[in-house]
Amino acid sequence: MAMQQQIDALIRQLGLEETDRRIAAWMDRYGRWLLRISIAIVFIWFGGLKVIGMSPAEELVKSTIYFLPADLFYPILAWWEVLIGVTLLWRPLNRVAILLLFLQMPGTMLPLVLLPDVCFTSIPFGLTIEGQYIIKNLVLISAGLVVGGSVRRQSTETQRL
Protein backbone atom coordinates (compact mmCIF):
# COMPACT_ATOMS: atom_id res chain seq x y z
CA MET A 1 0.00 0.00 0.00
CA ALA A 2 2.82 2.42 0.83
CA MET A 3 4.37 1.88 -2.62
CA GLN A 4 1.06 2.77 -4.31
CA GLN A 5 0.81 5.94 -2.24
CA GLN A 6 4.35 6.91 -3.22
CA ILE A 7 3.56 6.37 -6.90
CA ASP A 8 0.35 8.42 -6.58
CA ALA A 9 2.31 11.23 -4.87
CA LEU A 10 4.94 11.20 -7.62
CA ILE A 11 2.27 11.38 -10.32
CA ARG A 12 0.73 14.39 -8.55
CA GLN A 13 4.15 16.08 -8.16
CA LEU A 14 4.88 15.65 -11.86
CA GLY A 15 1.48 17.08 -12.78
CA LEU A 16 0.45 13.85 -14.50
CA GLU A 17 -2.71 13.14 -12.52
CA GLU A 18 -5.11 14.07 -15.34
CA THR A 19 -3.06 12.12 -17.91
CA ASP A 20 -2.92 9.13 -15.57
CA ARG A 21 -6.68 9.34 -15.02
CA ARG A 22 -7.36 9.47 -18.79
CA ILE A 23 -5.07 6.55 -19.54
CA ALA A 24 -6.68 4.45 -16.80
CA ALA A 25 -10.16 5.39 -18.04
CA TRP A 26 -9.21 4.40 -21.60
CA MET A 27 -7.89 1.05 -20.37
CA ASP A 28 -11.03 0.50 -18.29
CA ARG A 29 -13.26 1.34 -21.25
CA TYR A 30 -11.50 -0.74 -23.90
CA GLY A 31 -9.53 -3.36 -21.96
CA ARG A 32 -12.25 -6.02 -21.62
CA TRP A 33 -13.27 -5.52 -25.24
CA LEU A 34 -9.67 -5.91 -26.45
CA LEU A 35 -9.19 -8.93 -24.19
CA ARG A 36 -12.32 -10.57 -25.61
CA ILE A 37 -11.27 -9.91 -29.21
CA SER A 38 -7.72 -11.13 -28.48
CA ILE A 39 -8.97 -14.39 -27.00
CA ALA A 40 -11.28 -14.81 -29.99
CA ILE A 41 -8.34 -14.39 -32.36
CA VAL A 42 -6.25 -16.93 -30.45
CA PHE A 43 -9.01 -19.55 -30.49
CA ILE A 44 -9.94 -18.98 -34.14
CA TRP A 45 -6.27 -19.06 -35.16
CA PHE A 46 -5.24 -22.09 -33.12
CA GLY A 47 -8.44 -23.96 -33.98
CA GLY A 48 -8.07 -22.98 -37.63
CA LEU A 49 -4.54 -24.36 -37.69
CA LYS A 50 -5.95 -27.65 -36.44
CA VAL A 51 -8.71 -27.58 -39.07
CA ILE A 52 -6.22 -27.19 -41.93
CA GLY A 53 -3.69 -29.63 -40.48
CA MET A 54 -1.00 -27.09 -39.59
CA SER A 55 -1.10 -27.12 -35.79
CA PRO A 56 2.19 -27.84 -34.03
CA ALA A 57 0.09 -29.28 -31.18
CA GLU A 58 -1.49 -32.05 -33.27
CA GLU A 59 0.76 -34.89 -32.05
CA LEU A 60 0.49 -33.71 -28.45
CA VAL A 61 -3.31 -33.66 -28.63
CA LYS A 62 -3.53 -37.04 -30.33
CA SER A 63 -1.06 -38.58 -27.85
CA THR A 64 -3.01 -37.21 -24.91
CA ILE A 65 -6.48 -38.25 -26.00
CA TYR A 66 -5.40 -41.77 -26.92
CA PHE A 67 -8.65 -43.24 -25.54
CA LEU A 68 -10.75 -41.69 -28.34
CA PRO A 69 -10.33 -42.16 -32.09
CA ALA A 70 -8.04 -39.31 -33.21
CA ASP A 71 -9.76 -39.04 -36.59
CA LEU A 72 -13.00 -38.26 -34.78
CA PHE A 73 -11.78 -36.26 -31.78
CA TYR A 74 -9.22 -33.97 -33.41
CA PRO A 75 -11.54 -32.31 -35.96
CA ILE A 76 -14.18 -31.86 -33.26
CA LEU A 77 -11.62 -30.14 -31.03
CA ALA A 78 -10.47 -27.97 -33.94
CA TRP A 79 -13.96 -26.73 -34.74
CA TRP A 80 -14.77 -26.43 -31.00
CA GLU A 81 -11.88 -23.96 -30.66
CA VAL A 82 -13.00 -22.01 -33.73
CA LEU A 83 -16.52 -21.91 -32.26
CA ILE A 84 -15.19 -20.53 -28.97
CA GLY A 85 -13.50 -17.74 -30.90
CA VAL A 86 -16.50 -16.95 -33.07
CA THR A 87 -18.87 -16.84 -30.10
CA LEU A 88 -16.50 -14.45 -28.34
CA LEU A 89 -16.76 -12.02 -31.24
CA TRP A 90 -20.49 -11.43 -30.77
CA ARG A 91 -21.16 -10.29 -27.21
CA PRO A 92 -24.64 -11.87 -26.84
CA LEU A 93 -22.97 -15.28 -27.36
CA ASN A 94 -20.21 -14.73 -24.80
CA ARG A 95 -21.92 -17.00 -22.26
CA VAL A 96 -21.78 -19.81 -24.84
CA ALA A 97 -18.10 -19.02 -25.46
CA ILE A 98 -17.26 -19.14 -21.77
CA LEU A 99 -19.11 -22.44 -21.33
CA LEU A 100 -17.29 -23.97 -24.30
CA LEU A 101 -13.96 -22.59 -23.07
CA PHE A 102 -14.35 -23.97 -19.57
CA LEU A 103 -15.45 -27.37 -20.88
CA GLN A 104 -12.36 -27.47 -23.11
CA MET A 105 -9.70 -26.18 -20.70
CA PRO A 106 -9.43 -29.20 -18.38
CA GLY A 107 -8.52 -31.31 -21.41
CA THR A 108 -5.72 -28.92 -22.29
CA MET A 109 -4.13 -29.66 -18.92
CA LEU A 110 -4.22 -33.45 -19.34
CA PRO A 111 -0.75 -33.76 -20.90
CA LEU A 112 0.76 -32.46 -17.67
CA VAL A 113 -0.59 -35.58 -15.98
CA LEU A 114 -0.67 -38.13 -18.81
CA LEU A 115 2.54 -37.14 -20.60
CA PRO A 116 4.85 -35.63 -17.98
CA ASP A 117 7.94 -36.73 -19.93
CA VAL A 118 6.74 -34.57 -22.85
CA CYS A 119 5.84 -31.55 -20.70
CA PHE A 120 8.68 -31.37 -18.19
CA THR A 121 12.45 -31.35 -18.27
CA SER A 122 12.39 -31.53 -14.47
CA ILE A 123 9.12 -31.94 -12.55
CA PRO A 124 7.48 -29.69 -11.33
CA PHE A 125 9.14 -26.51 -12.63
CA GLY A 126 11.27 -27.34 -15.66
CA LEU A 127 8.92 -27.02 -18.62
CA THR A 128 9.48 -28.09 -22.19
CA ILE A 129 8.07 -25.98 -25.02
CA GLU A 130 5.00 -28.25 -24.90
CA GLY A 131 4.68 -27.68 -21.17
CA GLN A 132 4.92 -23.93 -21.65
CA TYR A 133 2.26 -24.14 -24.38
CA ILE A 134 -0.04 -25.86 -21.88
CA ILE A 135 0.72 -23.61 -18.89
CA LYS A 136 -0.10 -20.50 -20.95
CA ASN A 137 -3.68 -21.74 -20.85
CA LEU A 138 -3.82 -20.37 -17.31
CA VAL A 139 -3.85 -16.93 -18.94
CA LEU A 140 -6.72 -17.98 -21.21
CA ILE A 141 -8.64 -19.31 -18.20
CA SER A 142 -8.10 -16.05 -16.31
CA ALA A 143 -9.09 -14.03 -19.38
CA GLY A 144 -12.22 -16.16 -19.67
CA LEU A 145 -13.07 -15.29 -16.08
CA VAL A 146 -12.72 -11.58 -16.83
CA VAL A 147 -14.88 -11.82 -19.96
CA GLY A 148 -17.39 -14.07 -18.19
CA GLY A 149 -17.55 -11.65 -15.28
CA SER A 150 -18.67 -8.90 -17.64
CA VAL A 151 -21.59 -10.67 -19.37
CA ARG A 152 -24.15 -9.05 -17.08
CA ARG A 153 -22.76 -5.53 -17.43
CA GLN A 154 -24.63 -2.99 -19.48
CA SER A 155 -22.97 -2.91 -22.88
CA THR A 156 -21.38 0.26 -24.11
CA GLU A 157 -21.41 0.90 -27.84
CA THR A 158 -17.78 -0.28 -28.05
CA GLN A 159 -18.44 -3.52 -26.16
CA ARG A 160 -21.36 -4.48 -28.42
CA LEU A 161 -19.07 -4.97 -31.42
C-alpha atoms as a PDB file:
ATOM      1  CA  MET A   1       0.000   0.000   0.000  1.00  0.00           C
ATOM      2  CA  ALA A   2       2.818   2.416   0.834  1.00  0.00           C
ATOM      3  CA  MET A   3       4.366   1.882  -2.616  1.00  0.00           C
ATOM      4  CA  GLN A   4       1.062   2.773  -4.310  1.00  0.00           C
ATOM      5  CA  GLN A   5       0.809   5.941  -2.241  1.00  0.00           C
ATOM      6  CA  GLN A   6       4.354   6.912  -3.225  1.00  0.00           C
ATOM      7  CA  ILE A   7       3.565   6.374  -6.895  1.00  0.00           C
ATOM      8  CA  ASP A   8       0.355   8.420  -6.583  1.00  0.00           C
ATOM      9  CA  ALA A   9       2.310  11.230  -4.874  1.00  0.00           C
ATOM     10  CA  LEU A  10       4.942  11.199  -7.619  1.00  0.00           C
ATOM     11  CA  ILE A  11       2.265  11.379 -10.315  1.00  0.00           C
ATOM     12  CA  ARG A  12       0.733  14.390  -8.551  1.00  0.00           C
ATOM     13  CA  GLN A  13       4.154  16.080  -8.161  1.00  0.00           C
ATOM     14  CA  LEU A  14       4.877  15.646 -11.861  1.00  0.00           C
ATOM     15  CA  GLY A  15       1.481  17.077 -12.784  1.00  0.00           C
ATOM     16  CA  LEU A  16       0.451  13.848 -14.497  1.00  0.00           C
ATOM     17  CA  GLU A  17      -2.708  13.139 -12.520  1.00  0.00           C
ATOM     18  CA  GLU A  18      -5.107  14.066 -15.340  1.00  0.00           C
ATOM     19  CA  THR A  19      -3.059  12.121 -17.909  1.00  0.00           C
ATOM     20  CA  ASP A  20      -2.925   9.127 -15.575  1.00  0.00           C
ATOM     21  CA  ARG A  21      -6.684   9.341 -15.016  1.00  0.00           C
ATOM     22  CA  ARG A  22      -7.358   9.474 -18.792  1.00  0.00           C
ATOM     23  CA  ILE A  23      -5.069   6.547 -19.537  1.00  0.00           C
ATOM     24  CA  ALA A  24      -6.678   4.454 -16.799  1.00  0.00           C
ATOM     25  CA  ALA A  25     -10.159   5.392 -18.041  1.00  0.00           C
ATOM     26  CA  TRP A  26      -9.206   4.403 -21.603  1.00  0.00           C
ATOM     27  CA  MET A  27      -7.888   1.046 -20.369  1.00  0.00           C
ATOM     28  CA  ASP A  28     -11.030   0.496 -18.294  1.00  0.00           C
ATOM     29  CA  ARG A  29     -13.263   1.338 -21.251  1.00  0.00           C
ATOM     30  CA  TYR A  30     -11.497  -0.743 -23.902  1.00  0.00           C
ATOM     31  CA  GLY A  31      -9.531  -3.363 -21.955  1.00  0.00           C
ATOM     32  CA  ARG A  32     -12.246  -6.024 -21.622  1.00  0.00           C
ATOM     33  CA  TRP A  33     -13.273  -5.516 -25.244  1.00  0.00           C
ATOM     34  CA  LEU A  34      -9.673  -5.906 -26.453  1.00  0.00           C
ATOM     35  CA  LEU A  35      -9.191  -8.927 -24.193  1.00  0.00           C
ATOM     36  CA  ARG A  36     -12.319 -10.575 -25.609  1.00  0.00           C
ATOM     37  CA  ILE A  37     -11.265  -9.915 -29.205  1.00  0.00           C
ATOM     38  CA  SER A  38      -7.721 -11.128 -28.477  1.00  0.00           C
ATOM     39  CA  ILE A  39      -8.970 -14.386 -26.999  1.00  0.00           C
ATOM     40  CA  ALA A  40     -11.277 -14.811 -29.992  1.00  0.00           C
ATOM     41  CA  ILE A  41      -8.337 -14.388 -32.363  1.00  0.00           C
ATOM     42  CA  VAL A  42      -6.248 -16.935 -30.446  1.00  0.00           C
ATOM     43  CA  PHE A  43      -9.014 -19.547 -30.495  1.00  0.00           C
ATOM     44  CA  ILE A  44      -9.939 -18.983 -34.137  1.00  0.00           C
ATOM     45  CA  TRP A  45      -6.273 -19.056 -35.162  1.00  0.00           C
ATOM     46  CA  PHE A  46      -5.237 -22.089 -33.120  1.00  0.00           C
ATOM     47  CA  GLY A  47      -8.436 -23.961 -33.975  1.00  0.00           C
ATOM     48  CA  GLY A  48      -8.072 -22.984 -37.627  1.00  0.00           C
ATOM     49  CA  LEU A  49      -4.536 -24.362 -37.693  1.00  0.00           C
ATOM     50  CA  LYS A  50      -5.951 -27.652 -36.442  1.00  0.00           C
ATOM     51  CA  VAL A  51      -8.714 -27.582 -39.073  1.00  0.00           C
ATOM     52  CA  ILE A  52      -6.223 -27.187 -41.930  1.00  0.00           C
ATOM     53  CA  GLY A  53      -3.687 -29.632 -40.481  1.00  0.00           C
ATOM     54  CA  MET A  54      -1.000 -27.088 -39.590  1.00  0.00           C
ATOM     55  CA  SER A  55      -1.099 -27.122 -35.787  1.00  0.00           C
ATOM     56  CA  PRO A  56       2.188 -27.835 -34.032  1.00  0.00           C
ATOM     57  CA  ALA A  57       0.090 -29.277 -31.179  1.00  0.00           C
ATOM     58  CA  GLU A  58      -1.485 -32.054 -33.266  1.00  0.00           C
ATOM     59  CA  GLU A  59       0.755 -34.894 -32.050  1.00  0.00           C
ATOM     60  CA  LEU A  60       0.493 -33.709 -28.447  1.00  0.00           C
ATOM     61  CA  VAL A  61      -3.309 -33.657 -28.629  1.00  0.00           C
ATOM     62  CA  LYS A  62      -3.531 -37.040 -30.327  1.00  0.00           C
ATOM     63  CA  SER A  63      -1.063 -38.575 -27.853  1.00  0.00           C
ATOM     64  CA  THR A  64      -3.007 -37.213 -24.905  1.00  0.00           C
ATOM     65  CA  ILE A  65      -6.482 -38.248 -25.999  1.00  0.00           C
ATOM     66  CA  TYR A  66      -5.403 -41.765 -26.923  1.00  0.00           C
ATOM     67  CA  PHE A  67      -8.648 -43.245 -25.537  1.00  0.00           C
ATOM     68  CA  LEU A  68     -10.754 -41.688 -28.336  1.00  0.00           C
ATOM     69  CA  PRO A  69     -10.327 -42.158 -32.087  1.00  0.00           C
ATOM     70  CA  ALA A  70      -8.036 -39.312 -33.209  1.00  0.00           C
ATOM     71  CA  ASP A  71      -9.756 -39.042 -36.590  1.00  0.00           C
ATOM     72  CA  LEU A  72     -13.000 -38.264 -34.776  1.00  0.00           C
ATOM     73  CA  PHE A  73     -11.782 -36.257 -31.782  1.00  0.00           C
ATOM     74  CA  TYR A  74      -9.218 -33.973 -33.406  1.00  0.00           C
ATOM     75  CA  PRO A  75     -11.538 -32.308 -35.957  1.00  0.00           C
ATOM     76  CA  ILE A  76     -14.181 -31.857 -33.258  1.00  0.00           C
ATOM     77  CA  LEU A  77     -11.617 -30.140 -31.030  1.00  0.00           C
ATOM     78  CA  ALA A  78     -10.471 -27.971 -33.936  1.00  0.00           C
ATOM     79  CA  TRP A  79     -13.964 -26.729 -34.740  1.00  0.00           C
ATOM     80  CA  TRP A  80     -14.766 -26.425 -31.003  1.00  0.00           C
ATOM     81  CA  GLU A  81     -11.878 -23.960 -30.661  1.00  0.00           C
ATOM     82  CA  VAL A  82     -13.000 -22.010 -33.728  1.00  0.00           C
ATOM     83  CA  LEU A  83     -16.522 -21.911 -32.264  1.00  0.00           C
ATOM     84  CA  ILE A  84     -15.187 -20.528 -28.969  1.00  0.00           C
ATOM     85  CA  GLY A  85     -13.501 -17.745 -30.899  1.00  0.00           C
ATOM     86  CA  VAL A  86     -16.498 -16.951 -33.066  1.00  0.00           C
ATOM     87  CA  THR A  87     -18.874 -16.838 -30.096  1.00  0.00           C
ATOM     88  CA  LEU A  88     -16.495 -14.445 -28.335  1.00  0.00           C
ATOM     89  CA  LEU A  89     -16.764 -12.020 -31.238  1.00  0.00           C
ATOM     90  CA  TRP A  90     -20.489 -11.432 -30.768  1.00  0.00           C
ATOM     91  CA  ARG A  91     -21.162 -10.291 -27.208  1.00  0.00           C
ATOM     92  CA  PRO A  92     -24.639 -11.873 -26.843  1.00  0.00           C
ATOM     93  CA  LEU A  93     -22.972 -15.276 -27.358  1.00  0.00           C
ATOM     94  CA  ASN A  94     -20.212 -14.727 -24.797  1.00  0.00           C
ATOM     95  CA  ARG A  95     -21.918 -17.000 -22.264  1.00  0.00           C
ATOM     96  CA  VAL A  96     -21.776 -19.812 -24.835  1.00  0.00           C
ATOM     97  CA  ALA A  97     -18.098 -19.019 -25.463  1.00  0.00           C
ATOM     98  CA  ILE A  98     -17.259 -19.137 -21.768  1.00  0.00           C
ATOM     99  CA  LEU A  99     -19.115 -22.437 -21.326  1.00  0.00           C
ATOM    100  CA  LEU A 100     -17.289 -23.972 -24.295  1.00  0.00           C
ATOM    101  CA  LEU A 101     -13.963 -22.587 -23.069  1.00  0.00           C
ATOM    102  CA  PHE A 102     -14.348 -23.969 -19.568  1.00  0.00           C
ATOM    103  CA  LEU A 103     -15.449 -27.371 -20.879  1.00  0.00           C
ATOM    104  CA  GLN A 104     -12.362 -27.472 -23.107  1.00  0.00           C
ATOM    105  CA  MET A 105      -9.703 -26.182 -20.701  1.00  0.00           C
ATOM    106  CA  PRO A 106      -9.429 -29.204 -18.385  1.00  0.00           C
ATOM    107  CA  GLY A 107      -8.524 -31.313 -21.411  1.00  0.00           C
ATOM    108  CA  THR A 108      -5.720 -28.925 -22.294  1.00  0.00           C
ATOM    109  CA  MET A 109      -4.126 -29.657 -18.923  1.00  0.00           C
ATOM    110  CA  LEU A 110      -4.222 -33.445 -19.343  1.00  0.00           C
ATOM    111  CA  PRO A 111      -0.751 -33.757 -20.901  1.00  0.00           C
ATOM    112  CA  LEU A 112       0.764 -32.456 -17.669  1.00  0.00           C
ATOM    113  CA  VAL A 113      -0.591 -35.584 -15.982  1.00  0.00           C
ATOM    114  CA  LEU A 114      -0.673 -38.128 -18.813  1.00  0.00           C
ATOM    115  CA  LEU A 115       2.544 -37.137 -20.603  1.00  0.00           C
ATOM    116  CA  PRO A 116       4.853 -35.629 -17.983  1.00  0.00           C
ATOM    117  CA  ASP A 117       7.939 -36.727 -19.934  1.00  0.00           C
ATOM    118  CA  VAL A 118       6.743 -34.569 -22.853  1.00  0.00           C
ATOM    119  CA  CYS A 119       5.838 -31.550 -20.699  1.00  0.00           C
ATOM    120  CA  PHE A 120       8.681 -31.366 -18.192  1.00  0.00           C
ATOM    121  CA  THR A 121      12.447 -31.352 -18.274  1.00  0.00           C
ATOM    122  CA  SER A 122      12.391 -31.527 -14.473  1.00  0.00           C
ATOM    123  CA  ILE A 123       9.121 -31.942 -12.547  1.00  0.00           C
ATOM    124  CA  PRO A 124       7.476 -29.695 -11.329  1.00  0.00           C
ATOM    125  CA  PHE A 125       9.139 -26.510 -12.626  1.00  0.00           C
ATOM    126  CA  GLY A 126      11.268 -27.336 -15.657  1.00  0.00           C
ATOM    127  CA  LEU A 127       8.922 -27.020 -18.618  1.00  0.00           C
ATOM    128  CA  THR A 128       9.481 -28.094 -22.187  1.00  0.00           C
ATOM    129  CA  ILE A 129       8.068 -25.982 -25.022  1.00  0.00           C
ATOM    130  CA  GLU A 130       4.998 -28.248 -24.901  1.00  0.00           C
ATOM    131  CA  GLY A 131       4.681 -27.679 -21.170  1.00  0.00           C
ATOM    132  CA  GLN A 132       4.918 -23.925 -21.649  1.00  0.00           C
ATOM    133  CA  TYR A 133       2.262 -24.137 -24.376  1.00  0.00           C
ATOM    134  CA  ILE A 134      -0.040 -25.858 -21.880  1.00  0.00           C
ATOM    135  CA  ILE A 135       0.716 -23.609 -18.892  1.00  0.00           C
ATOM    136  CA  LYS A 136      -0.100 -20.497 -20.954  1.00  0.00           C
ATOM    137  CA  ASN A 137      -3.678 -21.739 -20.845  1.00  0.00           C
ATOM    138  CA  LEU A 138      -3.819 -20.373 -17.307  1.00  0.00           C
ATOM    139  CA  VAL A 139      -3.853 -16.927 -18.939  1.00  0.00           C
ATOM    140  CA  LEU A 140      -6.725 -17.985 -21.210  1.00  0.00           C
ATOM    141  CA  ILE A 141      -8.644 -19.313 -18.201  1.00  0.00           C
ATOM    142  CA  SER A 142      -8.105 -16.052 -16.308  1.00  0.00           C
ATOM    143  CA  ALA A 143      -9.085 -14.033 -19.380  1.00  0.00           C
ATOM    144  CA  GLY A 144     -12.215 -16.163 -19.669  1.00  0.00           C
ATOM    145  CA  LEU A 145     -13.068 -15.293 -16.077  1.00  0.00           C
ATOM    146  CA  VAL A 146     -12.725 -11.579 -16.835  1.00  0.00           C
ATOM    147  CA  VAL A 147     -14.881 -11.821 -19.964  1.00  0.00           C
ATOM    148  CA  GLY A 148     -17.388 -14.070 -18.192  1.00  0.00           C
ATOM    149  CA  GLY A 149     -17.551 -11.649 -15.283  1.00  0.00           C
ATOM    150  CA  SER A 150     -18.668  -8.905 -17.643  1.00  0.00           C
ATOM    151  CA  VAL A 151     -21.589 -10.665 -19.368  1.00  0.00           C
ATOM    152  CA  ARG A 152     -24.154  -9.052 -17.082  1.00  0.00           C
ATOM    153  CA  ARG A 153     -22.760  -5.532 -17.430  1.00  0.00           C
ATOM    154  CA  GLN A 154     -24.629  -2.993 -19.482  1.00  0.00           C
ATOM    155  CA  SER A 155     -22.970  -2.910 -22.880  1.00  0.00           C
ATOM    156  CA  THR A 156     -21.376   0.260 -24.110  1.00  0.00           C
ATOM    157  CA  GLU A 157     -21.405   0.896 -27.843  1.00  0.00           C
ATOM    158  CA  THR A 158     -17.784  -0.283 -28.050  1.00  0.00           C
ATOM    159  CA  GLN A 159     -18.437  -3.524 -26.161  1.00  0.00           C
ATOM    160  CA  ARG A 160     -21.362  -4.482 -28.422  1.00  0.00           C
ATOM    161  CA  LEU A 161     -19.074  -4.974 -31.415  1.00  0.00           C
END
